[in-house]
């Protein structure tokens, strides 16, 4: 079922290589096609538009069950009613109604609750930071999308290799009129000690930043797969943002921030489908 998808991803990623995608950042970096091949059985990355009348959030995600999408909380309007998904930048989208959202809808602050994100941006230290599970009214029927098959339950350690796969916006999200233009992102990174992980929170982990700060809008919620020599890639978390470090106004380096899988919530969401 995934062969046509992989062929389309190969073509999309080759184009991405020509336009400077992160996966081709150095001569020794794996090509996007190789990275796509590496996760061929690990689950299909999705580009997402989560919407309700008058508001929408753009990001990436992955199915953790035929009817459950894992993504970043800060792209999900609290009262979101539908999600549009596609599996390649040029692919046809499919729209499915959202039955419910985990964690439970909650709001504190000013402004219109309906159009605010499910979770405002949360810095490390909040154990519930920045994830959302969208329980769909029905599985996708036209998308060639496979749920993640293997979850990594243990936390990663510095030196582990991960692959980030998602669909950032072509212009970095700067132009709202171009939010429908996406590129395929495949990037391999090493896990590093996070300088912002001094807070008592083991749900976050960090990777080396993408060249040229390519963690643009639309990449939030991208699945992150742990790669080991002795096992197939396993879903270990999602990308939620990039931290830039500057000196005298110039960026010196950056770190990618990931959120580990909310395994307990995933189990609860799956159990809710049986009720």
Protein backbone atom coordinates (compact mmCIF):
# COMPACT_ATOMS: atom_id res chain seq x y z
CA UNK A 1 0.00 0.00 0.00
CA UNK A 2 2.90 2.36 0.78
CA UNK A 3 4.81 1.87 -2.46
CA UNK A 4 2.94 4.62 -4.39
CA UNK A 5 3.38 6.90 -1.40
CA UNK A 6 7.12 6.24 -1.23
CA UNK A 7 7.45 6.95 -4.95
CA UNK A 8 5.69 10.31 -4.48
CA UNK A 9 7.78 11.08 -1.40
CA UNK A 10 10.93 10.27 -3.35
CA UNK A 11 10.00 12.76 -6.07
CA UNK A 12 8.95 15.41 -3.54
CA UNK A 13 12.11 14.97 -1.50
CA UNK A 14 14.36 15.13 -4.54
CA UNK A 15 12.76 18.49 -5.33
CA UNK A 16 13.28 19.46 -1.70
CA UNK A 17 16.96 18.60 -2.02
CA UNK A 18 17.31 20.96 -4.97
CA UNK A 19 15.66 23.76 -3.01
CA UNK A 20 17.83 23.37 0.08
CA UNK A 21 15.87 21.06 2.37
CA UNK A 22 17.55 20.25 5.68
CA UNK A 23 18.17 16.61 4.80
CA UNK A 24 20.82 17.66 2.26
CA UNK A 25 22.58 20.01 4.66
CA UNK A 26 26.01 18.39 4.37
CA UNK A 27 27.70 16.18 1.74
CA UNK A 28 27.59 13.24 4.18
CA UNK A 29 23.94 13.66 5.22
CA UNK A 30 21.52 10.90 4.18
CA UNK A 31 19.42 11.82 1.17
CA UNK A 32 15.69 12.49 1.67
CA UNK A 33 14.92 9.37 -0.39
CA UNK A 34 17.02 7.21 1.98
CA UNK A 35 15.31 8.73 5.02
CA UNK A 36 11.88 8.15 3.46
CA UNK A 37 12.87 4.55 2.83
CA UNK A 38 14.04 4.20 6.43
CA UNK A 39 10.58 4.97 7.82
CA UNK A 40 8.57 3.12 5.16
CA UNK A 41 7.02 0.81 7.78
CA UNK A 42 7.05 3.23 10.71
CA UNK A 43 3.98 5.30 9.77
CA UNK A 44 2.96 7.95 7.24
CA UNK A 45 3.64 11.64 8.03
CA UNK A 46 0.64 13.91 7.41
CA UNK A 47 0.28 17.58 6.56
CA UNK A 48 -2.63 18.99 8.56
CA UNK A 49 -5.05 21.89 8.61
CA UNK A 50 -7.12 21.77 11.81
CA UNK A 51 -10.13 24.05 11.54
CA UNK A 52 -13.38 25.44 12.82
CA UNK A 53 -15.38 28.28 11.23
CA UNK A 54 -13.21 31.37 11.34
CA UNK A 55 -10.00 29.82 12.66
CA UNK A 56 -7.50 27.19 11.62
CA UNK A 57 -4.11 25.84 12.57
CA UNK A 58 -1.50 24.45 10.20
CA UNK A 59 1.00 21.74 11.07
CA UNK A 60 2.04 18.13 10.62
CA UNK A 61 1.18 14.91 12.40
CA UNK A 62 0.81 11.15 12.25
CA UNK A 63 -1.87 8.55 12.84
CA UNK A 64 -1.38 6.49 16.00
CA UNK A 65 -4.59 4.58 15.22
CA UNK A 66 -6.72 4.62 12.05
CA UNK A 67 -8.96 7.19 13.76
CA UNK A 68 -6.47 9.10 15.95
CA UNK A 69 -3.96 11.77 14.87
CA UNK A 70 -1.09 12.90 17.09
CA UNK A 71 0.05 16.49 16.53
CA UNK A 72 1.24 19.59 18.39
CA UNK A 73 -1.28 21.20 20.74
CA UNK A 74 -0.43 24.74 19.71
CA UNK A 75 -1.81 24.22 16.19
CA UNK A 76 -5.22 22.98 17.38
CA UNK A 77 -8.06 25.49 17.97
CA UNK A 78 -9.87 24.53 21.16
CA UNK A 79 -13.20 23.89 19.43
CA UNK A 80 -11.78 22.45 16.21
CA UNK A 81 -14.43 20.55 14.24
CA UNK A 82 -12.54 19.12 11.25
CA UNK A 83 -9.10 18.25 9.97
CA UNK A 84 -7.80 18.31 6.41
CA UNK A 85 -4.85 15.99 5.74
CA UNK A 86 -2.62 15.03 2.84
CA UNK A 87 0.46 12.82 2.49
CA UNK A 88 2.48 14.71 -0.14
CA UNK A 89 2.77 18.42 -0.90
CA UNK A 90 1.02 17.99 -4.24
CA UNK A 91 -1.42 15.30 -3.09
CA UNK A 92 -5.19 15.53 -2.91
CA UNK A 93 -6.45 16.30 0.61
CA UNK A 94 -9.18 14.57 2.56
CA UNK A 95 -11.38 16.21 5.21
CA UNK A 96 -12.64 14.28 8.25
CA UNK A 97 -14.77 15.50 11.16
CA UNK A 98 -13.21 15.57 14.64
CA UNK A 99 -15.28 13.82 17.31
CA UNK A 100 -13.20 14.85 20.32
CA UNK A 101 -9.78 16.08 21.34
CA UNK A 102 -7.35 14.89 23.99
CA UNK A 103 -6.43 16.52 26.34
CA UNK A 104 -9.86 17.81 27.27
CA UNK A 105 -10.63 21.25 25.94
CA UNK A 106 -9.57 23.87 28.43
CA UNK A 107 -9.01 27.58 28.25
CA UNK A 108 -7.60 30.30 30.45
CA UNK A 109 -6.67 33.76 29.29
CA UNK A 110 -8.12 36.53 27.20
CA UNK A 111 -9.63 36.55 23.75
CA UNK A 112 -12.04 34.24 21.99
CA UNK A 113 -11.64 30.73 23.46
CA UNK A 114 -12.91 29.02 20.31
CA UNK A 115 -10.11 30.28 18.10
CA UNK A 116 -7.28 30.02 20.63
CA UNK A 117 -4.90 27.05 20.52
CA UNK A 118 -5.64 24.04 22.69
CA UNK A 119 -2.34 24.75 24.38
CA UNK A 120 -0.54 28.06 24.30
CA UNK A 121 3.19 27.67 23.75
CA UNK A 122 4.60 25.90 26.82
CA UNK A 123 8.21 26.05 27.86
CA UNK A 124 9.90 22.97 29.34
CA UNK A 125 8.71 22.20 32.84
CA UNK A 126 5.03 21.67 32.02
CA UNK A 127 4.46 17.93 31.87
CA UNK A 128 1.43 18.44 29.63
CA UNK A 129 3.16 20.69 27.12
CA UNK A 130 2.18 20.93 23.53
CA UNK A 131 0.54 17.76 22.24
CA UNK A 132 -2.93 16.91 21.01
CA UNK A 133 -4.77 13.78 19.92
CA UNK A 134 -7.56 14.27 17.38
CA UNK A 135 -10.15 11.48 17.52
CA UNK A 136 -11.77 11.30 14.09
CA UNK A 137 -15.35 10.40 13.24
CA UNK A 138 -14.08 7.88 10.68
CA UNK A 139 -10.77 6.69 9.21
CA UNK A 140 -9.42 8.36 6.10
CA UNK A 141 -10.59 6.52 2.99
CA UNK A 142 -8.73 8.16 0.11
CA UNK A 143 -5.37 8.82 1.77
CA UNK A 144 -2.67 6.18 1.50
CA UNK A 145 -1.77 6.72 5.15
CA UNK A 146 -0.55 4.03 7.54
CA UNK A 147 -0.66 4.49 11.34
CA UNK A 148 2.55 4.24 13.31
CA UNK A 149 3.25 0.59 14.05
CA UNK A 150 5.92 0.76 16.75
CA UNK A 151 6.18 3.17 19.70
CA UNK A 152 9.45 3.82 21.53
CA UNK A 153 8.63 3.74 25.24
CA UNK A 154 12.05 4.52 26.75
CA UNK A 155 13.43 8.06 26.64
CA UNK A 156 16.20 8.75 24.11
CA UNK A 157 19.76 9.39 25.22
CA UNK A 158 22.33 11.85 23.83
CA UNK A 159 23.88 10.40 20.71
CA UNK A 160 20.74 8.57 19.58
CA UNK A 161 19.72 9.25 15.98
CA UNK A 162 16.22 10.38 15.05
CA UNK A 163 14.44 11.24 11.80
CA UNK A 164 12.00 14.16 11.68
CA UNK A 165 9.38 13.94 8.91
CA UNK A 166 6.79 16.61 8.19
CA UNK A 167 5.48 19.33 5.92
CA UNK A 168 6.69 22.86 6.70
CA UNK A 169 5.33 25.74 4.65
CA UNK A 170 7.32 26.63 1.56
CA UNK A 171 7.94 30.22 2.66
CA UNK A 172 8.36 29.43 6.34
CA UNK A 173 4.81 30.54 7.13
CA UNK A 174 5.55 34.22 6.61
CA UNK A 175 2.84 34.77 3.97
CA UNK A 176 -0.66 33.71 5.03
CA UNK A 177 -1.75 33.54 1.39
CA UNK A 178 0.79 30.74 0.82
CA UNK A 179 -0.19 28.47 3.71
CA UNK A 180 -1.34 25.84 1.24
CA UNK A 181 2.19 25.55 -0.17
CA UNK A 182 4.19 22.89 1.64
CA UNK A 183 7.47 21.03 1.16
CA UNK A 184 8.37 17.52 2.32
CA UNK A 185 10.85 17.61 5.19
CA UNK A 186 13.07 14.64 6.05
CA UNK A 187 15.90 15.44 8.44
CA UNK A 188 18.21 13.22 10.49
CA UNK A 189 19.49 14.59 13.78
CA UNK A 190 21.40 13.53 16.88
CA UNK A 191 19.89 13.79 20.34
CA UNK A 192 21.79 16.28 22.51
CA UNK A 193 21.57 17.37 26.14
CA UNK A 194 19.01 20.18 26.12
CA UNK A 195 20.21 23.34 27.83
CA UNK A 196 16.57 24.20 28.63
CA UNK A 197 15.88 20.75 30.11
CA UNK A 198 17.08 21.66 33.61
CA UNK A 199 13.43 21.83 34.62
CA UNK A 200 12.08 18.61 36.20
CA UNK A 201 10.47 17.33 33.02
CA UNK A 202 11.39 14.09 31.25
CA UNK A 203 8.79 14.53 28.51
CA UNK A 204 11.00 16.78 26.35
CA UNK A 205 14.16 15.96 24.45
CA UNK A 206 16.33 17.94 22.07
CA UNK A 207 18.13 17.56 18.74
CA UNK A 208 20.65 19.57 16.80
CA UNK A 209 18.99 22.45 15.00
CA UNK A 210 18.28 22.34 11.29
CA UNK A 211 20.59 24.36 9.05
CA UNK A 212 19.45 27.91 8.34
CA UNK A 213 16.68 27.64 10.96
CA UNK A 214 14.40 25.57 8.75
CA UNK A 215 12.06 24.63 11.58
CA UNK A 216 9.41 26.79 9.97
CA UNK A 217 5.69 27.06 10.51
CA UNK A 218 3.85 23.94 9.43
CA UNK A 219 6.51 21.59 10.80
CA UNK A 220 4.99 21.58 14.30
CA UNK A 221 3.66 18.14 15.13
CA UNK A 222 6.02 16.37 12.71
CA UNK A 223 6.59 12.76 13.82
CA UNK A 224 10.03 11.93 15.20
CA UNK A 225 11.32 8.38 14.70
CA UNK A 226 14.08 6.79 16.78
CA UNK A 227 16.65 4.94 14.64
CA UNK A 228 18.75 2.10 16.03
CA UNK A 229 21.00 -0.45 14.35
CA UNK A 230 19.12 -3.46 15.68
CA UNK A 231 15.48 -2.44 15.27
CA UNK A 232 13.20 -0.75 12.75
CA UNK A 233 12.44 2.96 13.28
CA UNK A 234 9.96 3.58 16.08
CA UNK A 235 7.81 6.64 16.76
CA UNK A 236 9.22 8.39 19.82
CA UNK A 237 7.71 11.88 19.73
CA UNK A 238 6.80 14.99 17.78
CA UNK A 239 8.61 18.19 16.83
CA UNK A 240 7.20 21.23 18.66
CA UNK A 241 9.64 24.04 17.91
CA UNK A 242 13.14 25.35 17.44
CA UNK A 243 15.17 27.32 19.98
CA UNK A 244 17.64 29.83 18.53
CA UNK A 245 20.71 31.12 20.33
CA UNK A 246 22.12 34.52 19.34
CA UNK A 247 25.25 36.55 19.97
CA UNK A 248 25.39 40.24 19.04
CA UNK A 249 22.23 39.81 17.02
CA UNK A 250 23.49 36.85 14.96
CA UNK A 251 22.23 33.31 15.38
CA UNK A 252 25.04 31.08 16.57
CA UNK A 253 23.20 27.77 16.83
CA UNK A 254 19.79 26.27 17.37
CA UNK A 255 18.17 23.25 18.98
CA UNK A 256 15.07 21.37 17.96
CA UNK A 257 12.63 20.67 20.77
CA UNK A 258 10.66 17.44 20.76
CA UNK A 259 7.82 16.16 22.90
CA UNK A 260 7.84 12.48 23.86
CA UNK A 261 4.77 10.40 23.06
CA UNK A 262 1.88 10.88 25.51
CA UNK A 263 1.52 7.08 25.76
CA UNK A 264 -1.07 7.08 28.53
CA UNK A 265 -3.27 9.52 26.63
CA UNK A 266 -2.91 7.49 23.42
CA UNK A 267 -4.14 4.41 25.28
CA UNK A 268 -7.05 6.39 26.74
CA UNK A 269 -7.98 7.75 23.31
CA UNK A 270 -7.97 4.26 21.80
CA UNK A 271 -10.05 2.97 24.71
CA UNK A 272 -12.57 5.78 24.13
CA UNK A 273 -13.32 4.34 20.69
CA UNK A 274 -14.59 1.15 22.27
CA UNK A 275 -17.17 2.96 24.42
